[in-house]
Amino acid sequence: MDITVRKTDLFKELQYVQGVVERKTTVPILSNLLLETTGNALYVTATDLDVSLRCASRATVKVAGAVTVSARKLFDIVRLLPEADVHLKSASPDWVNLTCMRSRFKVAALSRENFPDIPGLQGKTLRLPGRALR
């Protein structure tokens, strides 16, 4: 995986999924986020096996791929980065390099195969205007 994404876009998505991530769990992969690319989008997925959340952000994808990283560590790192593009590159199956301007981080990663599968939505969808829902 080799992508570039705006810091504000990535941080917004990480804020959404923080509530779903398990802090203390007997299954270590549940404290991780699944980062995967499709087309020109970065998908961020979190689950605690009861609730799952998947968000998307625009990204420049050079090499497609998927990897899981610690949700808390990634959130803390991105929160403190300057407002610029963030470059994520999977250096090996066990590490992800994160670069933003002069900041460089190496974050431990786990394989995508260990992350639980998220079931797709079945049934009909319904669009409601915000006013009607409110």
Protein backbone atom coordinates (compact mmCIF):
# COMPACT_ATOMS: atom_id res chain seq x y z
CA MET A 1 0.00 0.00 0.00
CA ASP A 2 1.31 3.43 -0.94
CA ILE A 3 -1.09 6.38 -0.62
CA THR A 4 -1.25 10.11 0.02
CA VAL A 5 -4.20 11.67 1.84
CA ARG A 6 -4.91 15.12 3.28
CA LYS A 7 -4.39 15.28 7.05
CA THR A 8 -7.78 16.90 7.70
CA ASP A 9 -9.62 14.21 5.72
CA LEU A 10 -7.81 11.36 7.47
CA PHE A 11 -8.24 12.89 10.92
CA LYS A 12 -11.98 13.36 10.38
CA GLU A 13 -12.39 9.68 9.49
CA LEU A 14 -10.26 8.57 12.44
CA GLN A 15 -12.44 10.62 14.80
CA TYR A 16 -15.56 8.82 13.53
CA VAL A 17 -14.22 5.31 14.11
CA GLN A 18 -12.60 5.91 17.54
CA GLY A 19 -15.87 5.16 19.36
CA VAL A 20 -16.10 1.68 17.86
CA VAL A 21 -12.56 0.51 18.55
CA GLU A 22 -12.09 -1.77 21.56
CA ARG A 23 -9.62 -0.36 24.08
CA LYS A 24 -9.15 -3.43 26.25
CA THR A 25 -9.79 -6.66 24.41
CA THR A 26 -8.66 -10.25 24.47
CA VAL A 27 -8.50 -10.17 20.66
CA PRO A 28 -5.66 -7.75 19.78
CA ILE A 29 -6.80 -7.15 16.18
CA LEU A 30 -9.98 -5.43 17.46
CA SER A 31 -7.91 -2.51 18.75
CA ASN A 32 -6.69 -1.96 15.17
CA LEU A 33 -8.15 -0.17 12.18
CA LEU A 34 -8.30 -1.72 8.75
CA LEU A 35 -6.91 0.68 6.14
CA GLU A 36 -7.63 -0.42 2.57
CA THR A 37 -7.75 1.24 -0.81
CA THR A 38 -10.23 0.97 -3.65
CA GLY A 39 -9.89 3.21 -6.67
CA ASN A 40 -8.98 6.68 -5.41
CA ALA A 41 -10.34 6.18 -1.91
CA LEU A 42 -8.99 5.12 1.46
CA TYR A 43 -11.44 3.09 3.53
CA VAL A 44 -11.04 3.06 7.32
CA THR A 45 -12.86 0.22 9.09
CA ALA A 46 -13.28 -0.48 12.81
CA THR A 47 -15.26 -3.17 14.63
CA ASP A 48 -15.84 -4.56 18.10
CA LEU A 49 -17.70 -7.56 16.59
CA ASP A 50 -21.05 -6.03 17.62
CA VAL A 51 -20.77 -2.67 15.88
CA SER A 52 -18.82 -1.99 12.71
CA LEU A 53 -18.09 1.35 11.07
CA ARG A 54 -16.53 2.00 7.68
CA CYS A 55 -15.60 5.48 6.44
CA ALA A 56 -14.07 6.64 3.18
CA SER A 57 -11.75 9.47 2.31
CA ARG A 58 -10.34 10.73 -0.98
CA ALA A 59 -6.72 9.69 -1.50
CA THR A 60 -4.06 9.46 -4.16
CA VAL A 61 -3.38 5.75 -4.47
CA LYS A 62 -0.02 4.79 -5.96
CA VAL A 63 -0.09 1.14 -4.88
CA ALA A 64 -3.34 -0.46 -3.70
CA GLY A 65 -3.39 -2.64 -0.62
CA ALA A 66 -4.73 -3.23 2.87
CA VAL A 67 -3.18 -3.27 6.33
CA THR A 68 -4.28 -2.92 9.95
CA VAL A 69 -2.66 -0.51 12.41
CA SER A 70 -3.27 0.44 16.03
CA ALA A 71 -6.23 2.81 16.13
CA ARG A 72 -5.06 4.78 19.15
CA LYS A 73 -1.49 5.24 17.93
CA LEU A 74 -2.57 6.31 14.45
CA PHE A 75 -5.12 8.75 15.87
CA ASP A 76 -2.58 10.30 18.25
CA ILE A 77 0.03 10.66 15.51
CA VAL A 78 -2.32 12.19 12.93
CA ARG A 79 -3.83 14.56 15.51
CA LEU A 80 -0.43 16.17 16.10
CA LEU A 81 0.67 16.40 12.45
CA PRO A 82 0.80 19.74 10.61
CA GLU A 83 -1.87 20.60 8.05
CA ALA A 84 -0.35 18.91 4.99
CA ASP A 85 -0.51 15.72 2.97
CA VAL A 86 0.11 12.47 4.84
CA HIS A 87 1.97 9.72 3.01
CA LEU A 88 1.28 6.13 4.16
CA LYS A 89 3.46 3.35 2.77
CA SER A 90 3.49 -0.29 3.76
CA ALA A 91 7.24 -0.90 4.10
CA SER A 92 6.82 -4.59 4.93
CA PRO A 93 3.98 -6.80 6.13
CA ASP A 94 4.76 -5.75 9.71
CA TRP A 95 5.35 -1.98 9.38
CA VAL A 96 3.71 1.12 7.91
CA ASN A 97 5.74 4.28 7.32
CA LEU A 98 3.86 7.54 7.87
CA THR A 99 5.38 10.77 6.56
CA CYS A 100 4.07 14.34 6.76
CA MET A 101 6.42 17.17 5.86
CA ARG A 102 9.45 16.61 8.15
CA SER A 103 7.65 14.19 10.50
CA ARG A 104 8.35 10.48 10.07
CA PHE A 105 6.83 7.56 11.97
CA LYS A 106 7.08 3.79 11.72
CA VAL A 107 3.94 2.08 13.03
CA ALA A 108 3.57 -1.65 13.68
CA ALA A 109 1.00 -3.35 11.47
CA LEU A 110 -0.88 -6.63 11.35
CA SER A 111 -2.03 -8.54 8.30
CA ARG A 112 -5.45 -7.82 6.79
CA GLU A 113 -6.29 -11.55 6.95
CA ASN A 114 -6.49 -11.36 10.77
CA PHE A 115 -9.16 -8.62 10.71
CA PRO A 116 -12.74 -9.93 10.98
CA ASP A 117 -14.90 -9.74 7.86
CA ILE A 118 -17.56 -7.04 7.92
CA PRO A 119 -20.93 -8.20 6.54
CA GLY A 120 -22.45 -6.15 3.74
CA LEU A 121 -25.80 -4.42 4.02
CA GLN A 122 -28.83 -6.36 2.84
CA GLY A 123 -32.20 -4.95 1.93
CA LYS A 124 -33.50 -1.64 0.68
CA THR A 125 -32.02 1.73 1.43
CA LEU A 126 -33.96 4.86 2.19
CA ARG A 127 -32.90 8.50 1.80
CA LEU A 128 -34.40 11.07 4.11
CA PRO A 129 -33.84 14.81 4.06
CA GLY A 130 -32.17 16.09 7.21
CA ARG A 131 -35.17 18.20 8.19
CA ALA A 132 -37.56 15.23 8.14
CA LEU A 133 -35.22 13.18 10.30
CA ARG A 134 -34.70 16.00 12.75
